Each structure stands twice: as structure tokens, then as C-alpha cells.
N, C-alpha and C. Protein backbone atom coordinates (compact mmCIF):
# COMPACT_ATOMS: atom_id res chain seq x y z
N MET A 1 170.75 102.13 91.60
CA MET A 1 169.64 102.91 91.92
C MET A 1 169.85 104.33 91.41
N THR A 2 168.88 104.77 90.65
CA THR A 2 168.95 106.09 89.98
C THR A 2 168.13 107.10 90.76
N GLY A 3 167.32 106.70 91.78
CA GLY A 3 166.54 107.64 92.45
C GLY A 3 165.17 107.82 91.90
N LEU A 4 164.91 107.15 90.74
CA LEU A 4 163.61 107.25 90.12
C LEU A 4 162.68 106.26 90.75
N PRO A 5 161.40 106.58 90.77
CA PRO A 5 160.42 105.53 91.27
C PRO A 5 160.35 104.36 90.32
N ALA A 6 160.10 103.19 90.94
CA ALA A 6 160.04 101.99 90.15
C ALA A 6 158.77 102.03 89.26
N SER A 7 158.87 101.49 88.06
CA SER A 7 157.70 101.53 87.11
C SER A 7 156.67 100.54 87.66
N PRO A 8 155.40 100.92 87.39
CA PRO A 8 154.30 100.03 87.85
C PRO A 8 154.37 98.73 87.07
N PRO A 9 153.93 97.62 87.67
CA PRO A 9 153.89 96.34 86.96
C PRO A 9 152.91 96.48 85.74
N PRO A 10 153.20 95.68 84.70
CA PRO A 10 152.39 95.77 83.54
C PRO A 10 150.99 95.26 83.89
N PRO A 11 149.92 95.85 83.26
CA PRO A 11 148.54 95.42 83.65
C PRO A 11 148.35 93.96 83.23
N SER A 12 147.55 93.30 84.07
CA SER A 12 147.25 91.87 83.80
C SER A 12 146.15 91.82 82.68
N PRO A 13 146.19 90.74 81.92
CA PRO A 13 145.19 90.61 80.89
C PRO A 13 143.80 90.58 81.52
N ALA A 14 142.82 91.06 80.78
CA ALA A 14 141.42 91.02 81.25
C ALA A 14 140.91 89.62 81.46
N GLN A 15 140.32 89.43 82.62
CA GLN A 15 139.78 88.14 82.97
C GLN A 15 138.32 88.04 82.47
N PRO A 16 137.91 86.97 81.79
CA PRO A 16 136.54 86.88 81.39
C PRO A 16 135.67 86.67 82.60
N PRO A 17 134.43 87.20 82.56
CA PRO A 17 133.53 87.06 83.75
C PRO A 17 133.31 85.55 84.02
N SER A 18 133.30 85.24 85.28
CA SER A 18 133.06 83.85 85.69
C SER A 18 131.57 83.54 85.51
N PRO A 19 131.24 82.30 85.12
CA PRO A 19 129.84 81.93 84.96
C PRO A 19 129.12 81.96 86.35
N ALA A 20 127.83 82.12 86.30
CA ALA A 20 127.04 82.06 87.55
C ALA A 20 127.09 80.70 88.18
N PRO A 21 127.14 80.63 89.45
CA PRO A 21 127.15 79.29 90.12
C PRO A 21 125.90 78.48 89.75
N ALA A 22 126.03 77.17 89.77
CA ALA A 22 124.98 76.27 89.42
C ALA A 22 123.81 76.51 90.34
N GLY A 23 122.60 76.51 89.76
CA GLY A 23 121.42 76.69 90.51
C GLY A 23 120.90 78.14 90.57
N GLU A 24 121.73 79.10 90.16
CA GLU A 24 121.35 80.48 90.09
C GLU A 24 121.01 80.87 88.69
N GLY A 25 119.80 81.40 88.49
CA GLY A 25 119.43 81.80 87.16
C GLY A 25 120.14 83.09 86.74
N ALA A 26 120.16 83.31 85.43
CA ALA A 26 120.76 84.60 85.00
C ALA A 26 119.87 85.72 85.43
N ALA A 27 120.50 86.88 85.59
CA ALA A 27 119.75 88.10 85.95
C ALA A 27 118.74 88.36 84.97
N GLY A 28 117.45 88.69 85.45
CA GLY A 28 116.41 89.02 84.51
C GLY A 28 115.54 87.80 84.10
N ARG A 29 115.90 86.63 84.48
CA ARG A 29 115.09 85.44 84.21
C ARG A 29 114.06 85.27 85.20
N LEU A 30 112.87 84.74 84.76
CA LEU A 30 111.76 84.44 85.61
C LEU A 30 111.95 83.05 86.20
N GLY A 31 112.26 83.01 87.46
CA GLY A 31 112.49 81.67 88.09
C GLY A 31 111.32 81.28 88.94
N PRO A 32 111.40 80.14 89.59
CA PRO A 32 110.32 79.63 90.45
C PRO A 32 110.00 80.54 91.60
N THR A 33 111.00 81.26 92.15
CA THR A 33 110.74 82.17 93.27
C THR A 33 109.92 83.32 92.80
N HIS A 34 110.35 83.90 91.67
CA HIS A 34 109.60 85.01 91.06
C HIS A 34 108.20 84.66 90.73
N THR A 35 108.02 83.52 90.21
CA THR A 35 106.63 82.99 89.85
C THR A 35 105.78 82.88 91.09
N LEU A 36 106.33 82.36 92.13
CA LEU A 36 105.58 82.17 93.45
C LEU A 36 105.22 83.58 93.98
N ILE A 37 106.12 84.48 93.91
CA ILE A 37 105.85 85.86 94.42
C ILE A 37 104.70 86.51 93.59
N LEU A 38 104.76 86.38 92.32
CA LEU A 38 103.70 86.95 91.44
C LEU A 38 102.40 86.31 91.71
N LEU A 39 102.36 85.00 91.84
CA LEU A 39 101.15 84.28 92.11
C LEU A 39 100.55 84.76 93.44
N THR A 40 101.33 84.90 94.49
CA THR A 40 100.87 85.35 95.76
C THR A 40 100.33 86.76 95.68
N VAL A 41 101.02 87.63 94.93
CA VAL A 41 100.57 88.99 94.80
C VAL A 41 99.21 89.10 94.07
N PHE A 42 99.10 88.27 93.00
CA PHE A 42 97.83 88.28 92.25
C PHE A 42 96.67 87.78 93.05
N LEU A 43 96.97 86.68 93.85
CA LEU A 43 95.88 86.11 94.61
C LEU A 43 95.49 87.14 95.76
N THR A 44 96.45 87.80 96.38
CA THR A 44 96.16 88.73 97.38
C THR A 44 95.41 89.96 96.85
N LEU A 45 95.87 90.43 95.69
CA LEU A 45 95.13 91.60 95.08
C LEU A 45 93.71 91.24 94.70
N GLY A 46 93.51 90.07 94.13
CA GLY A 46 92.19 89.65 93.73
C GLY A 46 91.26 89.50 94.95
N THR A 47 91.82 88.94 96.01
CA THR A 47 91.06 88.69 97.26
C THR A 47 90.68 90.07 97.88
N ALA A 48 91.63 91.02 97.91
CA ALA A 48 91.36 92.27 98.53
C ALA A 48 90.27 93.03 97.70
N LEU A 49 90.40 92.99 96.41
CA LEU A 49 89.38 93.64 95.57
C LEU A 49 88.02 92.98 95.81
N PHE A 50 87.99 91.69 95.88
CA PHE A 50 86.69 91.03 96.06
C PHE A 50 86.07 91.43 97.46
N LEU A 51 86.92 91.47 98.43
CA LEU A 51 86.40 91.81 99.76
C LEU A 51 85.91 93.27 99.83
N GLN A 52 86.39 94.06 98.91
CA GLN A 52 85.97 95.56 98.88
C GLN A 52 84.68 95.68 97.99
N GLY A 53 84.26 94.58 97.44
CA GLY A 53 82.99 94.63 96.69
C GLY A 53 83.12 94.75 95.19
N THR A 54 84.33 94.58 94.66
CA THR A 54 84.55 94.70 93.22
C THR A 54 83.92 93.49 92.54
N PRO A 55 83.19 93.62 91.42
CA PRO A 55 82.66 92.44 90.73
C PRO A 55 83.76 91.53 90.25
N ILE A 56 83.51 90.21 90.28
CA ILE A 56 84.52 89.23 89.88
C ILE A 56 84.94 89.44 88.45
N GLY A 57 84.02 89.78 87.52
CA GLY A 57 84.43 90.03 86.16
C GLY A 57 85.48 91.15 86.01
N ASP A 58 85.30 92.19 86.81
CA ASP A 58 86.25 93.33 86.75
C ASP A 58 87.60 92.89 87.29
N ILE A 59 87.58 92.09 88.38
CA ILE A 59 88.83 91.57 88.93
C ILE A 59 89.60 90.72 87.92
N LEU A 60 88.90 89.81 87.27
CA LEU A 60 89.52 88.99 86.30
C LEU A 60 90.06 89.81 85.10
N LEU A 61 89.29 90.78 84.71
CA LEU A 61 89.73 91.64 83.60
C LEU A 61 91.06 92.40 83.98
N LEU A 62 91.05 92.92 85.19
CA LEU A 62 92.24 93.66 85.67
C LEU A 62 93.50 92.74 85.80
N LEU A 63 93.29 91.57 86.35
CA LEU A 63 94.46 90.68 86.53
C LEU A 63 94.92 90.07 85.23
N GLY A 64 93.93 89.85 84.29
CA GLY A 64 94.36 89.43 82.95
C GLY A 64 95.12 90.47 82.21
N GLY A 65 94.70 91.70 82.36
CA GLY A 65 95.47 92.82 81.74
C GLY A 65 96.88 92.93 82.35
N CYS A 66 96.92 92.76 83.64
CA CYS A 66 98.29 92.83 84.24
C CYS A 66 99.22 91.73 83.72
N GLY A 67 98.59 90.53 83.58
CA GLY A 67 99.41 89.37 83.05
C GLY A 67 99.77 89.62 81.65
N ALA A 68 98.93 90.19 80.81
CA ALA A 68 99.27 90.50 79.39
C ALA A 68 100.39 91.51 79.33
N VAL A 69 100.29 92.58 80.15
CA VAL A 69 101.36 93.53 80.12
C VAL A 69 102.69 92.91 80.58
N GLY A 70 102.65 92.10 81.61
CA GLY A 70 103.89 91.43 82.06
C GLY A 70 104.47 90.51 81.01
N ALA A 71 103.60 89.72 80.33
CA ALA A 71 104.07 88.83 79.32
C ALA A 71 104.67 89.66 78.14
N ALA A 72 103.99 90.71 77.76
CA ALA A 72 104.54 91.52 76.65
C ALA A 72 105.94 92.18 77.00
N THR A 73 106.03 92.53 78.30
CA THR A 73 107.29 93.17 78.71
C THR A 73 108.41 92.06 78.74
N LEU A 74 108.13 90.90 79.24
CA LEU A 74 109.14 89.85 79.22
C LEU A 74 109.50 89.45 77.74
N THR A 75 108.54 89.45 76.90
CA THR A 75 108.76 89.15 75.50
C THR A 75 109.69 90.16 74.85
N ALA A 76 109.39 91.42 75.08
CA ALA A 76 110.20 92.46 74.54
C ALA A 76 111.59 92.55 75.05
N ALA A 77 111.77 92.25 76.42
CA ALA A 77 113.02 92.35 77.01
C ALA A 77 113.89 91.18 76.70
N GLY A 78 113.33 89.98 76.57
CA GLY A 78 114.13 88.76 76.40
C GLY A 78 114.28 88.24 75.02
N GLY A 79 113.88 88.96 74.02
CA GLY A 79 113.97 88.45 72.68
C GLY A 79 112.69 87.70 72.32
N GLY A 80 112.08 87.06 73.26
CA GLY A 80 110.77 86.59 73.08
C GLY A 80 110.45 85.27 72.45
N ARG A 81 111.44 84.65 71.87
CA ARG A 81 111.09 83.40 71.15
C ARG A 81 110.56 82.31 72.01
N ARG A 82 111.20 82.13 73.19
CA ARG A 82 110.78 81.01 74.10
C ARG A 82 109.44 81.41 74.72
N LEU A 83 109.28 82.64 75.18
CA LEU A 83 108.04 82.99 75.80
C LEU A 83 106.86 83.01 74.78
N MET A 84 107.12 83.46 73.60
CA MET A 84 106.11 83.44 72.64
C MET A 84 105.67 81.98 72.27
N ALA A 85 106.65 81.05 72.27
CA ALA A 85 106.31 79.69 72.00
C ALA A 85 105.41 79.14 73.06
N VAL A 86 105.72 79.52 74.38
CA VAL A 86 104.86 79.04 75.51
C VAL A 86 103.47 79.64 75.43
N LEU A 87 103.40 80.92 75.10
CA LEU A 87 102.10 81.58 75.00
C LEU A 87 101.27 81.07 73.86
N VAL A 88 101.86 80.74 72.73
CA VAL A 88 101.15 80.24 71.60
C VAL A 88 100.63 78.80 71.91
N GLU A 89 101.51 78.01 72.55
CA GLU A 89 101.08 76.67 72.98
C GLU A 89 99.96 76.71 73.95
N ALA A 90 99.98 77.65 74.89
CA ALA A 90 98.90 77.79 75.89
C ALA A 90 97.61 78.20 75.20
N ALA A 91 97.71 79.12 74.19
CA ALA A 91 96.53 79.50 73.49
C ALA A 91 95.91 78.39 72.68
N VAL A 92 96.80 77.59 72.00
CA VAL A 92 96.30 76.50 71.25
C VAL A 92 95.61 75.44 72.12
N ARG A 93 96.24 75.17 73.23
CA ARG A 93 95.67 74.11 74.16
C ARG A 93 94.31 74.67 74.72
N SER A 94 94.31 75.93 75.05
CA SER A 94 93.09 76.58 75.55
C SER A 94 91.98 76.49 74.60
N SER A 95 92.26 76.83 73.33
CA SER A 95 91.20 76.77 72.29
C SER A 95 90.76 75.31 71.95
N ALA A 96 91.68 74.40 72.18
CA ALA A 96 91.32 72.99 71.89
C ALA A 96 90.55 72.41 73.02
N GLY A 97 90.51 73.06 74.16
CA GLY A 97 89.77 72.52 75.38
C GLY A 97 90.54 71.55 76.10
N LYS A 98 91.84 71.51 76.02
CA LYS A 98 92.68 70.57 76.77
C LYS A 98 93.11 71.14 78.12
């Protein structure tokens, strides 16, 4: 013993982050719970506006605009390939009358 403090142990190698448990979506993904919440909010907002005397055309325009902004935000944030494919498919089916 020389009276010097013991050297600290060498640092352990960095551990890679563990994957998310099964059933949990990655952060920032739109899951079924998020979709249900958004649907409920849109229905509640539309109903409240209707009960206050707002014309239905204005309500649909407002909610459609909110949906478009949300879709554009998700597209920009997530790279957008998958969401754009879904939106294009929905537009094609809508225009085809299916």
C-alpha cells in the first residue's frame, strides 16, 4: 500500500439501446390510440361547432384543413413515403368512386 487512492475501474463499453418491447410503437408513430383520440376530438369539435350554429360546410372545411395540416406535418416529420402512398391510394380510390 502506497497510500494513493485506488484507480477507478475502466469504463464499460457502451451498451446499444435496447429495442422497444413488443406491442409498443416507436415514439412519434401514429398508433391506434392516437387515431382514436384524434377521431374523438374531431367529432367533438364538429358537434360543438354545429350546436353553436356554424354551417356544416364551414365545419367540414375547417376539419378538412386540420386533417390536411396534420397529414403534411406527419409527412414532413416521418420522411413521408408510407404516408404519401396511403394518401395517394385514398385519393385514387376516392376519385374512382370506390
